[in-house]
Amino acid sequence: MQADYHVHCEFSDDSVYPMEDVVTDAIGLGLEELCFTDHVDYGIKVDWDSGQEIVWRNGEPMANVDYPRYFAKIADMQEKYGDRIRIRRGLELGVQSHTIPQFEALTKKYPLDFAILSIHQVGDEEFWNGEFLQGRTRREFNEAYYREMLRVVQSFKNYSVLGHMDLIARYDPEGGYPFDEVKDLIEEILKVVIADGKGIEVNTSSVRYGLSDWQPSTKILELYRDLGGRIITIGSDSHKPAHLAAHISAAKEMLKGLGFREFCTFDKGDPVFHPL
């Protein structure tokens, strides 16, 4: 089974990759299944129909997915290309503890095949621009990141997998924080995830970002394995053609080397297991 389960297109505010081009490119790459997972980040972005002013950055709107157009387009792609590739309805949910009610309402209104739960901000402070790191020691911003993740998974259950779990490593000027310093927090998070029947993803964008390890790290993956975790998806986090399906085969080999035997796709919210 060849699948990419973290894919962005023009409905994400950080991509201009046309959805139909993603589909035809995926077919050309031999993918059998594809899940669109465009961004929703309440707290720092608004919905198109919210009545609030939309902020523009570098010519692109800082807004969440235009849901009616997005899901209608996915339906069109399923109709047009369904005999050549399976296309799933997904979103990447940038949840914060104070935005959980908005995500509860969203996921109730729009049923999904698959939802990635990501921590992209804490207290509406972003990672990519250094805002969240500013004024905090390395220990403080790493612990604050995982504590927010723990709060979210304890309260929010309408997701499929936890996305790029150690995302903060991408923005840490010194690289990945020592695992043993946050192991207890990570273990608490993973125990909740597993008990809730949820999973985690391997996000292969770690390769293009030049990280020294996979994302999540092999230590996190080993801990997940040892705790009994089985549900794993693999996604490229693609935003342009060069990203699509990149390094997924290598990720499968890495998982096999760690003792995993299966990975997952999703159908109407339920995991479907495939041999690695």
C-alpha atoms as a PDB file:
ATOM      1  CA  MET A   1       0.000   0.000   0.000  1.00  0.00           C
ATOM      2  CA  GLN A   2       1.397   3.359  -1.062  1.00  0.00           C
ATOM      3  CA  ALA A   3      -0.259   6.308   0.709  1.00  0.00           C
ATOM      4  CA  ASP A   4       0.490   9.862   1.817  1.00  0.00           C
ATOM      5  CA  TYR A   5      -1.513  10.965   4.842  1.00  0.00           C
ATOM      6  CA  HIS A   6      -0.367  14.550   5.375  1.00  0.00           C
ATOM      7  CA  VAL A   7      -0.986  16.643   2.283  1.00  0.00           C
ATOM      8  CA  HIS A   8      -1.711  20.357   1.827  1.00  0.00           C
ATOM      9  CA  CYS A   9      -3.112  22.183  -1.182  1.00  0.00           C
ATOM     10  CA  GLU A  10      -4.396  25.637  -2.095  1.00  0.00           C
ATOM     11  CA  PHE A  11      -6.979  25.574   0.700  1.00  0.00           C
ATOM     12  CA  SER A  12      -4.165  25.861   3.256  1.00  0.00           C
ATOM     13  CA  ASP A  13      -2.936  29.383   3.864  1.00  0.00           C
ATOM     14  CA  ASP A  14       0.675  28.211   3.408  1.00  0.00           C
ATOM     15  CA  SER A  15       0.261  26.416   0.067  1.00  0.00           C
ATOM     16  CA  VAL A  16      -0.739  27.260  -3.501  1.00  0.00           C
ATOM     17  CA  TYR A  17      -0.531  23.662  -4.787  1.00  0.00           C
ATOM     18  CA  PRO A  18      -3.815  23.096  -6.700  1.00  0.00           C
ATOM     19  CA  MET A  19      -5.781  20.153  -5.347  1.00  0.00           C
ATOM     20  CA  GLU A  20      -6.267  18.551  -8.737  1.00  0.00           C
ATOM     21  CA  ASP A  21      -2.537  18.801  -9.444  1.00  0.00           C
ATOM     22  CA  VAL A  22      -1.872  17.046  -6.124  1.00  0.00           C
ATOM     23  CA  VAL A  23      -4.196  14.217  -7.172  1.00  0.00           C
ATOM     24  CA  THR A  24      -2.735  13.769 -10.651  1.00  0.00           C
ATOM     25  CA  ASP A  25       0.818  14.014  -9.304  1.00  0.00           C
ATOM     26  CA  ALA A  26      -0.012  11.388  -6.673  1.00  0.00           C
ATOM     27  CA  ILE A  27      -1.346   9.057  -9.351  1.00  0.00           C
ATOM     28  CA  GLY A  28       1.831   9.623 -11.330  1.00  0.00           C
ATOM     29  CA  LEU A  29       3.891   8.677  -8.278  1.00  0.00           C
ATOM     30  CA  GLY A  30       1.980   5.413  -7.893  1.00  0.00           C
ATOM     31  CA  LEU A  31       0.099   6.338  -4.728  1.00  0.00           C
ATOM     32  CA  GLU A  32      -2.979   4.252  -4.032  1.00  0.00           C
ATOM     33  CA  GLU A  33      -4.408   6.540  -1.360  1.00  0.00           C
ATOM     34  CA  LEU A  34      -4.169  10.210  -0.450  1.00  0.00           C
ATOM     35  CA  CYS A  35      -5.613  12.264   2.398  1.00  0.00           C
ATOM     36  CA  PHE A  36      -5.917  16.040   2.229  1.00  0.00           C
ATOM     37  CA  THR A  37      -5.190  17.621   5.602  1.00  0.00           C
ATOM     38  CA  ASP A  38      -5.367  21.379   5.175  1.00  0.00           C
ATOM     39  CA  HIS A  39      -4.812  23.747   8.082  1.00  0.00           C
ATOM     40  CA  VAL A  40      -7.226  24.967  10.729  1.00  0.00           C
ATOM     41  CA  ASP A  41      -5.639  27.074  13.481  1.00  0.00           C
ATOM     42  CA  TYR A  42      -8.222  28.773  15.666  1.00  0.00           C
ATOM     43  CA  GLY A  43      -6.824  31.469  17.903  1.00  0.00           C
ATOM     44  CA  ILE A  44      -4.533  32.965  15.271  1.00  0.00           C
ATOM     45  CA  LYS A  45      -6.708  32.495  12.168  1.00  0.00           C
ATOM     46  CA  VAL A  46     -10.377  33.078  11.474  1.00  0.00           C
ATOM     47  CA  ASP A  47     -12.959  31.300   9.356  1.00  0.00           C
ATOM     48  CA  TRP A  48     -13.910  32.843   6.030  1.00  0.00           C
ATOM     49  CA  ASP A  49     -17.504  33.297   7.165  1.00  0.00           C
ATOM     50  CA  SER A  50     -16.667  34.556  10.669  1.00  0.00           C
ATOM     51  CA  GLY A  51     -17.308  38.207   9.874  1.00  0.00           C
ATOM     52  CA  GLN A  52     -13.867  39.068  11.256  1.00  0.00           C
ATOM     53  CA  GLU A  53     -11.211  40.834   9.227  1.00  0.00           C
ATOM     54  CA  ILE A  54      -8.839  38.442   7.457  1.00  0.00           C
ATOM     55  CA  VAL A  55      -5.156  39.273   7.798  1.00  0.00           C
ATOM     56  CA  TRP A  56      -2.986  38.836   4.707  1.00  0.00           C
ATOM     57  CA  ARG A  57       0.683  37.775   4.835  1.00  0.00           C
ATOM     58  CA  ASN A  58       2.913  37.763   1.757  1.00  0.00           C
ATOM     59  CA  GLY A  59      -0.157  37.929  -0.461  1.00  0.00           C
ATOM     60  CA  GLU A  60      -1.821  34.932   1.182  1.00  0.00           C
ATOM     61  CA  PRO A  61      -4.802  35.038   3.558  1.00  0.00           C
ATOM     62  CA  MET A  62      -4.231  34.086   7.188  1.00  0.00           C
ATOM     63  CA  ALA A  63      -7.489  32.161   7.320  1.00  0.00           C
ATOM     64  CA  ASN A  64      -8.696  28.654   8.012  1.00  0.00           C
ATOM     65  CA  VAL A  65      -9.908  26.280   5.327  1.00  0.00           C
ATOM     66  CA  ASP A  66     -12.916  27.481   3.344  1.00  0.00           C
ATOM     67  CA  TYR A  67     -14.827  24.372   4.401  1.00  0.00           C
ATOM     68  CA  PRO A  68     -17.717  24.288   1.896  1.00  0.00           C
ATOM     69  CA  ARG A  69     -15.412  24.832  -1.089  1.00  0.00           C
ATOM     70  CA  TYR A  70     -12.759  22.446   0.271  1.00  0.00           C
ATOM     71  CA  PHE A  71     -15.065  19.507   0.872  1.00  0.00           C
ATOM     72  CA  ALA A  72     -16.921  20.101  -2.388  1.00  0.00           C
ATOM     73  CA  LYS A  73     -13.597  20.025  -4.240  1.00  0.00           C
ATOM     74  CA  ILE A  74     -12.597  16.787  -2.526  1.00  0.00           C
ATOM     75  CA  ALA A  75     -15.927  15.277  -3.582  1.00  0.00           C
ATOM     76  CA  ASP A  76     -15.257  16.389  -7.161  1.00  0.00           C
ATOM     77  CA  MET A  77     -11.813  14.765  -7.078  1.00  0.00           C
ATOM     78  CA  GLN A  78     -13.281  11.539  -5.679  1.00  0.00           C
ATOM     79  CA  GLU A  79     -15.822  11.469  -8.483  1.00  0.00           C
ATOM     80  CA  LYS A  80     -13.285  12.264 -11.190  1.00  0.00           C
ATOM     81  CA  TYR A  81     -10.345  10.115 -10.045  1.00  0.00           C
ATOM     82  CA  GLY A  82     -11.896   7.546  -7.711  1.00  0.00           C
ATOM     83  CA  ASP A  83     -11.191   4.680 -10.080  1.00  0.00           C
ATOM     84  CA  ARG A  84      -7.454   5.475  -9.931  1.00  0.00           C
ATOM     85  CA  ILE A  85      -6.802   6.583  -6.335  1.00  0.00           C
ATOM     86  CA  ARG A  86      -8.663   6.696  -3.015  1.00  0.00           C
ATOM     87  CA  ILE A  87      -9.018  10.256  -1.747  1.00  0.00           C
ATOM     88  CA  ARG A  88      -9.910  10.893   1.894  1.00  0.00           C
ATOM     89  CA  ARG A  89     -11.419  13.891   3.713  1.00  0.00           C
ATOM     90  CA  GLY A  90      -9.063  15.232   6.349  1.00  0.00           C
ATOM     91  CA  LEU A  91      -7.932  18.320   8.212  1.00  0.00           C
ATOM     92  CA  GLU A  92      -4.904  19.264  10.277  1.00  0.00           C
ATOM     93  CA  LEU A  93      -6.226  20.750  13.492  1.00  0.00           C
ATOM     94  CA  GLY A  94      -3.869  23.190  15.216  1.00  0.00           C
ATOM     95  CA  VAL A  95      -5.543  22.835  18.603  1.00  0.00           C
ATOM     96  CA  GLN A  96      -4.820  24.881  21.724  1.00  0.00           C
ATOM     97  CA  SER A  97      -6.462  24.232  25.068  1.00  0.00           C
ATOM     98  CA  HIS A  98      -8.489  27.457  24.844  1.00  0.00           C
ATOM     99  CA  THR A  99      -9.714  26.714  21.284  1.00  0.00           C
ATOM    100  CA  ILE A 100     -11.065  23.213  21.966  1.00  0.00           C
ATOM    101  CA  PRO A 101     -14.737  24.329  21.872  1.00  0.00           C
ATOM    102  CA  GLN A 102     -14.269  25.668  18.319  1.00  0.00           C
ATOM    103  CA  PHE A 103     -12.732  22.383  17.175  1.00  0.00           C
ATOM    104  CA  GLU A 104     -15.481  20.389  18.868  1.00  0.00           C
ATOM    105  CA  ALA A 105     -18.042  22.348  16.851  1.00  0.00           C
ATOM    106  CA  LEU A 106     -16.037  22.046  13.625  1.00  0.00           C
ATOM    107  CA  THR A 107     -15.577  18.282  13.783  1.00  0.00           C
ATOM    108  CA  LYS A 108     -19.243  17.812  14.660  1.00  0.00           C
ATOM    109  CA  LYS A 109     -20.308  19.885  11.647  1.00  0.00           C
ATOM    110  CA  TYR A 110     -17.943  18.273   9.144  1.00  0.00           C
ATOM    111  CA  PRO A 111     -17.404  14.508   9.615  1.00  0.00           C
ATOM    112  CA  LEU A 112     -13.919  13.463   8.542  1.00  0.00           C
ATOM    113  CA  ASP A 113     -12.124  10.337   7.449  1.00  0.00           C
ATOM    114  CA  PHE A 114      -9.018  11.519   9.264  1.00  0.00           C
ATOM    115  CA  ALA A 115      -7.872  14.369  11.514  1.00  0.00           C
ATOM    116  CA  ILE A 116      -4.340  15.250  12.545  1.00  0.00           C
ATOM    117  CA  LEU A 117      -4.038  16.902  15.955  1.00  0.00           C
ATOM    118  CA  SER A 118      -1.069  19.273  15.940  1.00  0.00           C
ATOM    119  CA  ILE A 119       0.220  21.774  18.455  1.00  0.00           C
ATOM    120  CA  HIS A 120       1.253  24.713  16.279  1.00  0.00           C
ATOM    121  CA  GLN A 121       0.856  27.480  18.856  1.00  0.00           C
ATOM    122  CA  VAL A 122       0.587  27.859  22.615  1.00  0.00           C
ATOM    123  CA  GLY A 123      -1.362  30.775  24.017  1.00  0.00           C
ATOM    124  CA  ASP A 124      -1.690  32.082  20.437  1.00  0.00           C
ATOM    125  CA  GLU A 125       2.110  32.461  20.280  1.00  0.00           C
ATOM    126  CA  GLU A 126       3.648  30.934  17.150  1.00  0.00           C
ATOM    127  CA  PHE A 127       6.773  28.812  16.863  1.00  0.00           C
ATOM    128  CA  TRP A 128       7.899  29.618  13.313  1.00  0.00           C
ATOM    129  CA  ASN A 129       8.577  33.306  14.056  1.00  0.00           C
ATOM    130  CA  GLY A 130      10.219  32.714  17.441  1.00  0.00           C
ATOM    131  CA  GLU A 131       7.380  34.356  19.365  1.00  0.00           C
ATOM    132  CA  PHE A 132       6.747  31.387  21.653  1.00  0.00           C
ATOM    133  CA  LEU A 133      10.450  30.896  22.357  1.00  0.00           C
ATOM    134  CA  GLN A 134      11.130  34.550  23.165  1.00  0.00           C
ATOM    135  CA  GLY A 135      11.687  35.214  26.862  1.00  0.00           C
ATOM    136  CA  ARG A 136      11.718  31.511  27.746  1.00  0.00           C
ATOM    137  CA  THR A 137      14.667  29.270  28.515  1.00  0.00           C
ATOM    138  CA  ARG A 138      15.117  26.168  26.400  1.00  0.00           C
ATOM    139  CA  ARG A 139      13.742  24.046  29.223  1.00  0.00           C
ATOM    140  CA  GLU A 140      10.753  26.357  29.686  1.00  0.00           C
ATOM    141  CA  PHE A 141       9.592  26.407  26.070  1.00  0.00           C
ATOM    142  CA  ASN A 142      10.055  22.660  25.581  1.00  0.00           C
ATOM    143  CA  GLU A 143       8.176  21.783  28.760  1.00  0.00           C
ATOM    144  CA  ALA A 144       5.459  24.347  28.030  1.00  0.00           C
ATOM    145  CA  TYR A 145       4.958  22.801  24.591  1.00  0.00           C
ATOM    146  CA  TYR A 146       4.469  19.282  25.928  1.00  0.00           C
ATOM    147  CA  ARG A 147       2.329  20.430  28.853  1.00  0.00           C
ATOM    148  CA  GLU A 148      -0.032  22.113  26.408  1.00  0.00           C
ATOM    149  CA  MET A 149      -0.107  18.945  24.316  1.00  0.00           C
ATOM    150  CA  LEU A 150      -1.012  16.932  27.412  1.00  0.00           C
ATOM    151  CA  ARG A 151      -3.824  19.330  28.316  1.00  0.00           C
ATOM    152  CA  VAL A 152      -5.212  19.097  24.795  1.00  0.00           C
ATOM    153  CA  VAL A 153      -5.198  15.295  24.474  1.00  0.00           C
ATOM    154  CA  GLN A 154      -6.772  14.976  27.917  1.00  0.00           C
ATOM    155  CA  SER A 155      -9.718  17.128  26.837  1.00  0.00           C
ATOM    156  CA  PHE A 156     -10.075  16.844  23.050  1.00  0.00           C
ATOM    157  CA  LYS A 157     -10.881  13.479  21.500  1.00  0.00           C
ATOM    158  CA  ASN A 158     -12.070  14.219  17.945  1.00  0.00           C
ATOM    159  CA  TYR A 159      -8.837  13.373  16.153  1.00  0.00           C
ATOM    160  CA  SER A 160      -7.116  10.360  14.607  1.00  0.00           C
ATOM    161  CA  VAL A 161      -3.381  10.825  15.189  1.00  0.00           C
ATOM    162  CA  LEU A 162      -1.048  13.201  16.969  1.00  0.00           C
ATOM    163  CA  GLY A 163       0.955  15.039  14.322  1.00  0.00           C
ATOM    164  CA  HIS A 164       4.761  15.580  14.266  1.00  0.00           C
ATOM    165  CA  MET A 165       4.775  15.109  18.023  1.00  0.00           C
ATOM    166  CA  ASP A 166       8.121  16.793  18.700  1.00  0.00           C
ATOM    167  CA  LEU A 167       7.504  19.660  16.278  1.00  0.00           C
ATOM    168  CA  ILE A 168       9.161  22.095  18.695  1.00  0.00           C
ATOM    169  CA  ALA A 169      12.524  20.514  17.784  1.00  0.00           C
ATOM    170  CA  ARG A 170      12.230  22.132  14.350  1.00  0.00           C
ATOM    171  CA  TYR A 171      12.338  25.579  15.937  1.00  0.00           C
ATOM    172  CA  ASP A 172      14.775  24.963  18.795  1.00  0.00           C
ATOM    173  CA  PRO A 173      17.973  26.842  17.840  1.00  0.00           C
ATOM    174  CA  GLU A 174      20.024  24.141  19.549  1.00  0.00           C
ATOM    175  CA  GLY A 175      18.197  21.238  17.934  1.00  0.00           C
ATOM    176  CA  GLY A 176      16.211  18.515  19.651  1.00  0.00           C
ATOM    177  CA  TYR A 177      15.921  18.878  23.414  1.00  0.00           C
ATOM    178  CA  PRO A 178      17.336  15.922  25.419  1.00  0.00           C
ATOM    179  CA  PHE A 179      14.691  13.209  25.433  1.00  0.00           C
ATOM    180  CA  ASP A 180      15.223  12.209  29.054  1.00  0.00           C
ATOM    181  CA  GLU A 181      14.371  15.751  30.187  1.00  0.00           C
ATOM    182  CA  VAL A 182      10.829  15.477  28.808  1.00  0.00           C
ATOM    183  CA  LYS A 183      10.349  11.704  28.738  1.00  0.00           C
ATOM    184  CA  ASP A 184       7.882  11.682  31.642  1.00  0.00           C
ATOM    185  CA  LEU A 185       5.658  14.267  29.925  1.00  0.00           C
ATOM    186  CA  ILE A 186       5.835  12.461  26.593  1.00  0.00           C
ATOM    187  CA  GLU A 187       4.964   9.167  28.282  1.00  0.00           C
ATOM    188  CA  GLU A 188       1.905  10.752  29.927  1.00  0.00           C
ATOM    189  CA  ILE A 189       0.769  12.051  26.542  1.00  0.00           C
ATOM    190  CA  LEU A 190       1.277   8.728  24.782  1.00  0.00           C
ATOM    191  CA  LYS A 191      -0.598   6.810  27.475  1.00  0.00           C
ATOM    192  CA  VAL A 192      -3.630   9.058  26.935  1.00  0.00           C
ATOM    193  CA  VAL A 193      -3.351   8.729  23.141  1.00  0.00           C
ATOM    194  CA  ILE A 194      -3.179   4.925  23.312  1.00  0.00           C
ATOM    195  CA  ALA A 195      -5.964   4.610  25.899  1.00  0.00           C
ATOM    196  CA  ASP A 196      -8.211   6.724  23.663  1.00  0.00           C
ATOM    197  CA  GLY A 197      -7.593   4.487  20.652  1.00  0.00           C
ATOM    198  CA  LYS A 198      -5.720   7.229  18.817  1.00  0.00           C
ATOM    199  CA  GLY A 199      -2.335   7.144  17.089  1.00  0.00           C
ATOM    200  CA  ILE A 200       0.678   9.150  16.035  1.00  0.00           C
ATOM    201  CA  GLU A 201       2.154  10.036  12.667  1.00  0.00           C
ATOM    202  CA  VAL A 202       5.617   9.819  11.198  1.00  0.00           C
ATOM    203  CA  ASN A 203       6.085  13.136   9.425  1.00  0.00           C
ATOM    204  CA  THR A 204       8.781  12.813   6.762  1.00  0.00           C
ATOM    205  CA  SER A 205       9.293  16.581   6.412  1.00  0.00           C
ATOM    206  CA  SER A 206      12.019  16.156   9.045  1.00  0.00           C
ATOM    207  CA  VAL A 207      14.301  15.146   6.170  1.00  0.00           C
ATOM    208  CA  ARG A 208      13.761  18.291   4.120  1.00  0.00           C
ATOM    209  CA  TYR A 209      14.093  20.461   7.226  1.00  0.00           C
ATOM    210  CA  GLY A 210      17.475  18.903   7.897  1.00  0.00           C
ATOM    211  CA  LEU A 211      16.631  17.540  11.345  1.00  0.00           C
ATOM    212  CA  SER A 212      19.017  15.020  12.843  1.00  0.00           C
ATOM    213  CA  ASP A 213      16.269  12.490  13.544  1.00  0.00           C
ATOM    214  CA  TRP A 214      12.834  11.485  12.315  1.00  0.00           C
ATOM    215  CA  GLN A 215       9.753  13.315  13.529  1.00  0.00           C
ATOM    216  CA  PRO A 216       8.815  12.151  16.004  1.00  0.00           C
ATOM    217  CA  SER A 217      12.234  10.994  17.081  1.00  0.00           C
ATOM    218  CA  THR A 218      13.129   7.329  17.170  1.00  0.00           C
ATOM    219  CA  LYS A 219      13.177   7.509  20.984  1.00  0.00           C
ATOM    220  CA  ILE A 220       9.538   8.674  20.989  1.00  0.00           C
ATOM    221  CA  LEU A 221       8.624   5.939  18.515  1.00  0.00           C
ATOM    222  CA  GLU A 222      10.351   3.310  20.666  1.00  0.00           C
ATOM    223  CA  LEU A 223       8.482   4.549  23.731  1.00  0.00           C
ATOM    224  CA  TYR A 224       5.188   4.436  21.821  1.00  0.00           C
ATOM    225  CA  ARG A 225       5.988   0.854  20.748  1.00  0.00           C
ATOM    226  CA  ASP A 226       6.902  -0.194  24.291  1.00  0.00           C
ATOM    227  CA  LEU A 227       3.659   1.293  25.657  1.00  0.00           C
ATOM    228  CA  GLY A 228       1.669  -0.801  23.184  1.00  0.00           C
ATOM    229  CA  GLY A 229       0.981   1.830  20.514  1.00  0.00           C
ATOM    230  CA  ARG A 230       0.019   0.406  17.122  1.00  0.00           C
ATOM    231  CA  ILE A 231      -1.696   3.136  15.132  1.00  0.00           C
ATOM    232  CA  ILE A 232       0.826   4.983  12.939  1.00  0.00           C
ATOM    233  CA  THR A 233       0.265   6.981   9.774  1.00  0.00           C
ATOM    234  CA  ILE A 234       2.977   8.258   7.447  1.00  0.00           C
ATOM    235  CA  GLY A 235       2.775  11.625   5.716  1.00  0.00           C
ATOM    236  CA  SER A 236       5.037  13.953   3.801  1.00  0.00           C
ATOM    237  CA  ASP A 237       3.474  17.218   5.069  1.00  0.00           C
ATOM    238  CA  SER A 238       3.668  18.297   1.437  1.00  0.00           C
ATOM    239  CA  HIS A 239       2.982  21.853   0.309  1.00  0.00           C
ATOM    240  CA  LYS A 240       4.441  21.643  -3.207  1.00  0.00           C
ATOM    241  CA  PRO A 241       5.150  18.961  -5.826  1.00  0.00           C
ATOM    242  CA  ALA A 242       8.688  18.233  -4.652  1.00  0.00           C
ATOM    243  CA  HIS A 243       7.357  17.294  -1.200  1.00  0.00           C
ATOM    244  CA  LEU A 244       4.630  14.861  -2.212  1.00  0.00           C
ATOM    245  CA  ALA A 245       5.278  11.277  -1.001  1.00  0.00           C
ATOM    246  CA  ALA A 246       8.907  12.173  -0.251  1.00  0.00           C
ATOM    247  CA  HIS A 247      10.812   9.762   2.018  1.00  0.00           C
ATOM    248  CA  ILE A 248       7.756   7.639   2.803  1.00  0.00           C
ATOM    249  CA  SER A 249       9.489   4.423   1.724  1.00  0.00           C
ATOM    250  CA  ALA A 250      12.450   5.258   3.975  1.00  0.00           C
ATOM    251  CA  ALA A 251      10.071   5.918   6.871  1.00  0.00           C
ATOM    252  CA  LYS A 252       8.534   2.475   6.393  1.00  0.00           C
ATOM    253  CA  GLU A 253      11.970   0.851   6.549  1.00  0.00           C
ATOM    254  CA  MET A 254      12.787   2.841   9.698  1.00  0.00           C
ATOM    255  CA  LEU A 255       9.552   1.674  11.365  1.00  0.00           C
ATOM    256  CA  LYS A 256      10.263  -1.948  10.433  1.00  0.00           C
ATOM    257  CA  GLY A 257      13.708  -1.569  11.960  1.00  0.00           C
ATOM    258  CA  LEU A 258      12.091  -0.442  15.218  1.00  0.00           C
ATOM    259  CA  GLY A 259       9.876  -3.503  15.314  1.00  0.00           C
ATOM    260  CA  PHE A 260       6.643  -2.108  13.897  1.00  0.00           C
ATOM    261  CA  ARG A 261       4.881  -4.354  11.426  1.00  0.00           C
ATOM    262  CA  GLU A 262       1.948  -2.218  10.274  1.00  0.00           C
ATOM    263  CA  PHE A 263       0.966   1.321   9.368  1.00  0.00           C
ATOM    264  CA  CYS A 264      -2.492   2.812   8.973  1.00  0.00           C
ATOM    265  CA  THR A 265      -4.754   4.638   6.614  1.00  0.00           C
ATOM    266  CA  PHE A 266      -8.235   5.768   7.709  1.00  0.00           C
ATOM    267  CA  ASP A 267     -11.786   5.371   6.462  1.00  0.00           C
ATOM    268  CA  LYS A 268     -14.614   7.341   8.097  1.00  0.00           C
ATOM    269  CA  GLY A 269     -12.530   7.822  11.224  1.00  0.00           C
ATOM    270  CA  ASP A 270     -11.498   4.194  11.606  1.00  0.00           C
ATOM    271  CA  PRO A 271      -7.912   2.942  11.205  1.00  0.00           C
ATOM    272  CA  VAL A 272      -7.181   0.440   8.461  1.00  0.00           C
ATOM    273  CA  PHE A 273      -3.980  -1.560   9.012  1.00  0.00           C
ATOM    274  CA  HIS A 274      -1.519  -2.443   6.250  1.00  0.00           C
ATOM    275  CA  PRO A 275       1.719  -4.451   6.441  1.00  0.00           C
ATOM    276  CA  LEU A 276       4.908  -2.449   6.264  1.00  0.00           C
END
